[in-house]
Amino acid sequence: MAKSRFLRGRRIDPQPITPGIKVADLIEQTFLAYNAARLQEACFLLAQKMLQPDTTVGLTLTGALTPAGLGISALIPLVQGGYIDWIISTGANLYHDTHHGLGLALHKGSTAISDVLLREEGVVRIFDIFFDYDVLLSTDKFFYTLLKSPEFQRTMGTAEFHYLCGKYIAEREAVLGVQDKSLLASCWRMGVPVYTSSPGDSSIGMNIAALRLIGEGPVIDIALDVNETAAIVLQAKRTGGKSGIWILGGGSPKNFALQTEPQLQEVLGIQEKGHDYFLQITDARPDTGGLSGATPSEAVSWGKVDPEKLPDSIVCYVDSTIALPLLTAYILEKVPPRTPKRLYDHREDLMDRLRAEHLATQAEESSLQSTPANY
């Protein structure tokens, strides 16, 4: 009797784990079922498809990853290796990232300590991370003082805003005799644009708001962010390449990255089909109806993901603090460094292409509307 076609998958018969096994071997040999298998599939998707030279990779960040040190341990190596081309992050991740660039200390703590007692002792808690309240005050003072400087007294998008912040954080790193502590500083060096989908929802945004009270500081143009991110995706497709979105968590950054395709297709009227690759690391369930748990197949209905590329869409239900170090180690072992695309340096050219295509579609639509109907 012929074997069922459903029995052609890899046989589950791994080699025993031995001392000194490499991360890539561990993942390939033993991550064979359940969410471990999804993480293995994520590694294969990244190494074999998403991180090919012709793919533009956007990364989204939610959850307190930088306070846990993942900016230093994982995100900065990925940026330096050219594996990440553009980023959308919560403002909180970028604010707490700055602590490291300023030489301010965060410590391992405990969830078992009374928060009333911590407050009395001037200790701030992010789950099991502790730091002195003065870390917040010092970081606020850095941003408040920085944003009063002449370079910031105008309207700008968050990519330019974070680029300028990264430059000054890099200078502070140099004064302290350290490097590669701040993700923003590394993105400044590598020309990786960093966007924030909700620029008012963080302590950085709070400092911007404080300065606006006295008529100083930057005015953030969120419309520019919407168009620049759409332009990045359009450029990836129009130059014969592909677009991949790597989502850590969910939330607003997830939607902001994925809405680039509806912005092109639905709003600007530009012919497009959706992102080519979708990889999400999340602990959010889809059955609650929330955005963070929304599946790639649901995204297809919005035009966010190319329906033909659903096999290249993977969701791993794993804590990002576990998955990201493993994925990073696998990438560094298996994928050669990529030539940086330095998308920040090409933003004006990308916007020119987007504007030209939008105007062309408008002209075509106007021409069709003015043509008499044939009866």
Protein backbone atom coordinates (compact mmCIF):
# COMPACT_ATOMS: atom_id res chain seq x y z
CA MET A 1 0.00 0.00 0.00
CA ALA A 2 1.38 3.40 -1.04
CA LYS A 3 2.24 5.82 1.74
CA SER A 4 -0.07 8.77 2.25
CA ARG A 5 1.26 12.04 0.83
CA PHE A 6 0.89 13.41 4.36
CA LEU A 7 3.68 11.13 5.56
CA ARG A 8 6.44 12.67 3.49
CA GLY A 9 7.60 15.13 6.12
CA ARG A 10 10.92 14.81 7.86
CA ARG A 11 11.06 11.89 10.25
CA ILE A 12 11.26 12.93 13.90
CA ASP A 13 14.41 11.14 14.99
CA PRO A 14 16.89 13.76 16.24
CA GLN A 15 20.44 13.22 17.38
CA PRO A 16 20.97 13.60 21.14
CA ILE A 17 22.08 17.04 22.25
CA THR A 18 25.79 17.09 23.08
CA PRO A 19 28.03 19.58 24.91
CA GLY A 20 29.20 22.46 22.74
CA ILE A 21 26.46 22.15 20.11
CA LYS A 22 26.11 25.28 17.98
CA VAL A 23 22.87 27.25 18.07
CA ALA A 24 22.22 26.65 14.37
CA ASP A 25 22.71 22.90 14.79
CA LEU A 26 20.47 22.86 17.86
CA ILE A 27 17.68 24.59 15.94
CA GLU A 28 18.04 22.49 12.80
CA GLN A 29 18.33 19.14 14.60
CA THR A 30 15.98 19.43 17.57
CA PHE A 31 13.37 22.15 16.93
CA LEU A 32 11.03 19.71 15.19
CA ALA A 33 7.50 20.27 16.49
CA TYR A 34 5.09 22.79 17.99
CA ASN A 35 6.37 26.36 18.35
CA ALA A 36 9.96 25.15 18.22
CA ALA A 37 9.23 23.98 14.67
CA ARG A 38 7.75 27.39 13.83
CA LEU A 39 10.94 29.00 15.11
CA GLN A 40 12.98 26.64 12.94
CA GLU A 41 10.81 27.63 9.96
CA ALA A 42 11.41 31.28 10.84
CA CYS A 43 15.17 30.68 10.77
CA PHE A 44 14.89 29.02 7.36
CA LEU A 45 12.68 31.83 6.02
CA LEU A 46 15.16 34.46 7.14
CA ALA A 47 18.28 32.65 5.98
CA GLN A 48 17.01 31.31 2.67
CA LYS A 49 14.63 34.06 1.50
CA MET A 50 14.11 37.21 3.56
CA LEU A 51 17.80 38.02 3.95
CA GLN A 52 18.72 37.61 0.31
CA PRO A 53 20.37 40.77 -1.08
CA ASP A 54 17.33 41.77 -3.17
CA THR A 55 14.91 41.90 -0.20
CA THR A 56 14.30 45.06 1.80
CA VAL A 57 13.67 44.04 5.43
CA GLY A 58 11.60 46.16 7.79
CA LEU A 59 11.68 45.31 11.51
CA THR A 60 9.01 46.34 14.02
CA LEU A 61 9.63 46.52 17.77
CA THR A 62 7.09 46.41 20.59
CA GLY A 63 7.48 45.32 24.17
CA ALA A 64 10.28 46.48 26.43
CA LEU A 65 13.14 44.86 24.51
CA THR A 66 15.88 47.47 24.87
CA PRO A 67 15.66 47.68 28.69
CA ALA A 68 16.29 43.92 28.73
CA GLY A 69 19.53 44.45 26.78
CA LEU A 70 18.27 43.03 23.48
CA GLY A 71 19.24 46.19 21.64
CA ILE A 72 22.86 45.59 22.56
CA SER A 73 22.89 41.80 22.28
CA ALA A 74 20.77 41.25 19.16
CA LEU A 75 19.41 44.32 17.36
CA ILE A 76 22.70 46.21 16.99
CA PRO A 77 24.53 43.15 15.51
CA LEU A 78 21.64 42.71 13.04
CA VAL A 79 21.83 46.37 12.00
CA GLN A 80 25.62 46.28 11.71
CA GLY A 81 25.44 43.15 9.55
CA GLY A 82 23.09 44.86 7.10
CA TYR A 83 20.27 42.45 7.93
CA ILE A 84 17.80 45.20 8.87
CA ASP A 85 17.05 48.00 6.38
CA TRP A 86 14.42 50.04 8.22
CA ILE A 87 12.74 49.99 11.63
CA ILE A 88 9.42 50.97 13.20
CA SER A 89 9.55 51.02 16.99
CA THR A 90 7.58 52.15 19.97
CA GLY A 91 9.01 55.36 21.37
CA ALA A 92 9.53 53.60 24.70
CA ASN A 93 12.06 51.18 23.20
CA LEU A 94 14.04 54.11 21.80
CA TYR A 95 13.85 56.08 25.06
CA HIS A 96 15.12 53.16 27.13
CA ASP A 97 17.72 52.39 24.46
CA THR A 98 19.15 55.85 25.15
CA HIS A 99 19.89 54.92 28.79
CA HIS A 100 22.58 52.54 27.53
CA GLY A 101 24.08 55.13 25.19
CA LEU A 102 24.30 57.61 28.06
CA GLY A 103 26.07 55.10 30.30
CA LEU A 104 23.12 54.78 32.70
CA ALA A 105 22.69 51.46 34.52
CA LEU A 106 19.76 49.04 34.49
CA HIS A 107 19.82 46.00 36.78
CA LYS A 108 18.30 42.56 37.10
CA GLY A 109 15.53 42.67 39.69
CA SER A 110 12.54 40.68 40.89
CA THR A 111 8.78 40.74 40.55
CA ALA A 112 8.45 39.73 44.19
CA ILE A 113 9.48 43.09 45.65
CA SER A 114 6.79 45.50 46.82
CA ASP A 115 6.33 48.33 44.33
CA VAL A 116 5.41 50.63 47.20
CA LEU A 117 8.81 49.89 48.75
CA LEU A 118 10.55 50.41 45.40
CA ARG A 119 8.84 53.77 45.02
CA GLU A 120 9.99 54.80 48.50
CA GLU A 121 13.57 53.91 47.56
CA GLY A 122 13.46 55.64 44.20
CA VAL A 123 13.63 52.44 42.14
CA VAL A 124 11.65 52.03 38.90
CA ARG A 125 10.53 48.54 37.80
CA ILE A 126 9.92 47.12 34.33
CA PHE A 127 8.75 43.63 35.30
CA ASP A 128 12.04 42.16 36.61
CA ILE A 129 14.31 45.06 35.58
CA PHE A 130 15.23 47.70 38.17
CA PHE A 131 16.82 51.12 37.70
CA ASP A 132 17.24 54.31 39.66
CA TYR A 133 14.60 57.01 39.17
CA ASP A 134 17.48 59.34 38.31
CA VAL A 135 17.95 57.32 35.09
CA LEU A 136 14.64 58.77 33.89
CA LEU A 137 15.51 62.28 35.03
CA SER A 138 18.95 62.16 33.39
CA THR A 139 17.54 60.84 30.11
CA ASP A 140 14.77 63.45 30.14
CA LYS A 141 17.35 66.18 30.72
CA PHE A 142 19.42 64.86 27.80
CA PHE A 143 16.46 64.98 25.41
CA TYR A 144 15.05 68.26 26.69
CA THR A 145 18.42 69.98 26.30
CA LEU A 146 19.17 68.32 22.95
CA LEU A 147 15.80 69.24 21.44
CA LYS A 148 16.38 72.92 22.22
CA SER A 149 19.36 72.97 19.81
CA PRO A 150 18.98 74.74 16.43
CA GLU A 151 18.84 71.52 14.36
CA PHE A 152 15.53 70.56 15.95
CA GLN A 153 13.67 73.85 15.54
CA ARG A 154 11.60 72.82 12.53
CA THR A 155 9.13 70.30 11.16
CA MET A 156 10.47 66.81 10.45
CA GLY A 157 9.47 63.16 10.26
CA THR A 158 10.49 60.67 12.92
CA ALA A 159 13.21 59.16 10.71
CA GLU A 160 15.06 62.47 10.60
CA PHE A 161 14.33 63.12 14.25
CA HIS A 162 15.80 59.77 15.33
CA TYR A 163 18.74 60.16 12.94
CA LEU A 164 19.71 63.43 14.62
CA CYS A 165 19.20 61.92 18.09
CA GLY A 166 21.36 58.95 17.08
CA LYS A 167 24.16 61.27 16.01
CA TYR A 168 24.29 62.96 19.41
CA ILE A 169 23.94 59.70 21.33
CA ALA A 170 26.91 58.39 19.31
CA GLU A 171 28.88 61.46 20.37
CA ARG A 172 28.01 60.75 23.99
CA GLU A 173 29.14 57.14 23.55
CA ALA A 174 32.47 58.42 22.23
CA VAL A 175 32.90 60.72 25.26
CA LEU A 176 32.19 57.77 27.57
CA GLY A 177 34.64 55.58 25.65
CA VAL A 178 31.99 53.04 24.66
CA GLN A 179 30.36 52.06 21.39
CA ASP A 180 27.55 49.82 20.20
CA LYS A 181 25.42 50.41 23.28
CA SER A 182 22.64 52.40 21.61
CA LEU A 183 20.48 51.11 18.76
CA LEU A 184 19.74 54.68 17.65
CA ALA A 185 23.45 55.46 17.44
CA SER A 186 24.09 52.29 15.42
CA CYS A 187 21.24 53.09 13.04
CA TRP A 188 22.73 56.57 12.56
CA ARG A 189 26.07 55.02 11.62
CA MET A 190 24.48 52.50 9.23
CA GLY A 191 21.93 54.83 7.60
CA VAL A 192 18.96 52.77 8.84
CA PRO A 193 15.82 54.95 9.14
CA VAL A 194 13.92 54.51 12.41
CA TYR A 195 10.25 55.48 12.61
CA THR A 196 7.79 55.68 15.49
CA SER A 197 4.14 55.07 14.69
CA SER A 198 2.92 56.89 17.84
CA PRO A 199 5.45 59.67 18.48
CA GLY A 200 3.51 61.12 21.41
CA ASP A 201 3.34 57.81 23.28
CA SER A 202 6.70 57.80 25.08
CA SER A 203 8.93 59.88 27.30
CA ILE A 204 10.65 61.23 24.18
CA GLY A 205 7.26 62.47 22.97
CA MET A 206 6.58 63.92 26.41
CA ASN A 207 9.76 65.99 26.19
CA ILE A 208 8.80 67.18 22.69
CA ALA A 209 5.41 68.19 24.10
CA ALA A 210 7.04 70.09 26.98
CA LEU A 211 9.11 72.13 24.56
CA ARG A 212 6.10 72.83 22.34
CA LEU A 213 4.50 74.53 25.37
CA ILE A 214 7.10 77.27 25.05
CA GLY A 215 7.17 77.32 21.25
CA GLU A 216 10.41 75.38 20.89
CA GLY A 217 11.53 71.98 19.64
CA PRO A 218 10.55 69.90 16.62
CA VAL A 219 7.10 69.51 15.07
CA ILE A 220 6.67 65.87 14.04
CA ASP A 221 5.09 65.34 10.61
CA ILE A 222 3.43 61.94 10.84
CA ALA A 223 2.15 62.22 7.23
CA LEU A 224 5.77 62.27 6.09
CA ASP A 225 6.35 59.00 7.96
CA VAL A 226 3.35 57.36 6.29
CA ASN A 227 4.60 58.33 2.84
CA GLU A 228 8.28 57.59 3.45
CA THR A 229 7.59 54.06 4.67
CA ALA A 230 5.32 53.43 1.67
CA ALA A 231 8.07 54.79 -0.57
CA ILE A 232 10.57 52.32 0.89
CA VAL A 233 8.29 49.41 0.02
CA LEU A 234 7.56 50.76 -3.47
CA GLN A 235 11.27 51.17 -4.16
CA ALA A 236 11.93 47.59 -3.10
CA LYS A 237 9.38 46.30 -5.60
CA ARG A 238 10.14 48.66 -8.48
CA THR A 239 13.83 47.83 -8.47
CA GLY A 240 13.10 44.13 -8.99
CA GLY A 241 13.37 43.17 -5.35
CA LYS A 242 11.04 42.06 -2.59
CA SER A 243 9.71 43.41 0.68
CA GLY A 244 9.85 41.51 3.96
CA ILE A 245 8.34 42.54 7.29
CA TRP A 246 9.73 41.06 10.52
CA ILE A 247 7.46 41.76 13.47
CA LEU A 248 8.57 41.48 17.09
CA GLY A 249 5.39 41.66 19.14
CA GLY A 250 2.55 43.48 17.43
CA GLY A 251 0.74 46.67 18.30
CA SER A 252 0.90 49.94 16.41
CA PRO A 253 4.34 49.35 14.80
CA LYS A 254 3.00 46.14 13.24
CA ASN A 255 0.13 47.92 11.53
CA PHE A 256 2.27 50.91 10.56
CA ALA A 257 4.64 48.61 8.68
CA LEU A 258 1.90 46.56 7.03
CA GLN A 259 -0.28 49.55 6.09
CA THR A 260 2.37 50.63 3.59
CA GLU A 261 0.72 48.34 1.02
CA PRO A 262 -2.85 49.69 1.49
CA GLN A 263 -1.33 53.18 1.34
CA LEU A 264 0.11 52.32 -2.07
CA GLN A 265 -2.86 50.39 -3.45
CA GLU A 266 -5.98 51.76 -1.78
CA VAL A 267 -5.08 55.42 -1.16
CA LEU A 268 -2.48 56.32 -3.76
CA GLY A 269 -3.92 54.06 -6.46
CA ILE A 270 -0.59 52.46 -7.31
CA GLN A 271 -0.54 48.93 -8.71
CA GLU A 272 0.88 46.61 -6.05
CA LYS A 273 0.17 43.16 -4.55
CA GLY A 274 1.40 43.16 -0.96
CA HIS A 275 4.49 42.31 1.05
CA ASP A 276 6.39 39.20 -0.03
CA TYR A 277 7.49 37.93 3.39
CA PHE A 278 5.76 38.10 6.77
CA LEU A 279 7.42 36.89 9.96
CA GLN A 280 5.90 37.58 13.36
CA ILE A 281 7.08 36.67 16.84
CA THR A 282 4.15 37.12 19.21
CA ASP A 283 2.33 35.84 22.27
CA ALA A 284 -0.99 37.35 21.14
CA ARG A 285 -3.83 35.01 20.16
CA PRO A 286 -5.82 35.59 16.96
CA ASP A 287 -9.18 34.59 18.45
CA THR A 288 -9.51 37.80 20.50
CA GLY A 289 -9.74 39.83 17.29
CA GLY A 290 -6.88 42.14 18.23
CA LEU A 291 -4.33 43.55 15.82
CA SER A 292 -1.34 41.96 17.55
CA GLY A 293 -2.76 38.48 16.99
CA ALA A 294 -4.06 39.09 13.47
CA THR A 295 -2.74 36.43 11.09
CA PRO A 296 -1.02 36.94 7.74
CA SER A 297 -4.03 35.41 6.00
CA GLU A 298 -6.20 38.15 7.51
CA ALA A 299 -3.65 40.69 6.26
CA VAL A 300 -4.17 39.31 2.73
CA SER A 301 -7.78 40.55 2.81
CA TRP A 302 -6.46 44.09 3.29
CA GLY A 303 -3.87 43.83 0.53
CA LYS A 304 -1.07 43.94 3.10
CA VAL A 305 0.40 40.55 2.15
CA ASP A 306 0.66 39.11 -1.36
CA PRO A 307 -1.77 36.13 -1.40
CA GLU A 308 0.64 34.15 -3.57
CA LYS A 309 3.28 34.48 -0.85
CA LEU A 310 1.28 33.08 2.08
CA PRO A 311 3.56 30.00 2.22
CA ASP A 312 6.34 32.47 3.08
CA SER A 313 4.38 33.84 6.05
CA ILE A 314 5.19 32.47 9.49
CA VAL A 315 3.88 33.25 12.97
CA CYS A 316 5.84 32.00 16.00
CA TYR A 317 3.99 32.05 19.30
CA VAL A 318 7.11 32.64 21.36
CA ASP A 319 8.26 35.38 23.72
CA SER A 320 10.46 37.79 21.72
CA THR A 321 13.07 37.78 24.50
CA ILE A 322 13.56 34.06 23.81
CA ALA A 323 13.17 34.03 20.04
CA LEU A 324 15.22 37.09 19.09
CA PRO A 325 18.57 35.91 20.53
CA LEU A 326 18.11 32.49 18.86
CA LEU A 327 17.16 34.00 15.51
CA THR A 328 20.07 36.44 15.70
CA ALA A 329 22.58 33.69 16.50
CA TYR A 330 21.24 31.59 13.62
CA ILE A 331 21.46 34.50 11.17
CA LEU A 332 25.00 35.43 12.18
CA GLU A 333 26.09 31.82 11.74
CA LYS A 334 24.28 31.09 8.48
CA VAL A 335 23.92 34.34 6.51
CA PRO A 336 26.85 36.42 5.24
CA PRO A 337 26.65 40.14 6.08
CA ARG A 338 24.64 42.11 3.56
CA THR A 339 25.67 45.35 1.89
CA PRO A 340 23.86 48.10 3.83
CA LYS A 341 21.12 49.76 1.77
CA ARG A 342 21.44 53.03 3.74
CA LEU A 343 17.82 53.89 3.00
CA TYR A 344 17.99 57.00 5.16
CA ASP A 345 20.37 58.59 2.65
CA HIS A 346 17.94 57.97 -0.24
CA ARG A 347 14.67 59.20 1.28
CA GLU A 348 14.23 62.11 -1.14
CA ASP A 349 14.72 59.88 -4.19
CA LEU A 350 12.25 57.36 -2.78
CA MET A 351 9.68 60.09 -2.23
CA ASP A 352 10.20 61.39 -5.78
CA ARG A 353 9.33 57.93 -7.16
CA LEU A 354 6.27 57.65 -4.92
CA ARG A 355 5.06 61.12 -5.90
CA ALA A 356 5.59 60.47 -9.60
CA GLU A 357 3.64 57.20 -9.55
CA HIS A 358 0.79 58.74 -7.58
CA LEU A 359 0.54 61.69 -9.98
CA ALA A 360 0.58 59.27 -12.93
CA THR A 361 -2.31 57.27 -11.49
CA GLN A 362 -4.24 60.48 -10.81
CA ALA A 363 -3.70 61.63 -14.39
CA GLU A 364 -4.84 58.28 -15.76
CA GLU A 365 -7.94 58.29 -13.56
CA SER A 366 -8.76 61.86 -14.60
CA SER A 367 -8.38 60.90 -18.27
CA LEU A 368 -10.76 57.96 -17.87
CA GLN A 369 -13.35 60.09 -16.12
CA SER A 370 -13.26 62.73 -18.86
CA THR A 371 -13.65 60.19 -21.70
CA PRO A 372 -17.30 60.01 -22.90
CA ALA A 373 -18.94 56.66 -22.40
CA ASN A 374 -19.69 54.66 -25.54
CA TYR A 375 -23.31 53.62 -25.86
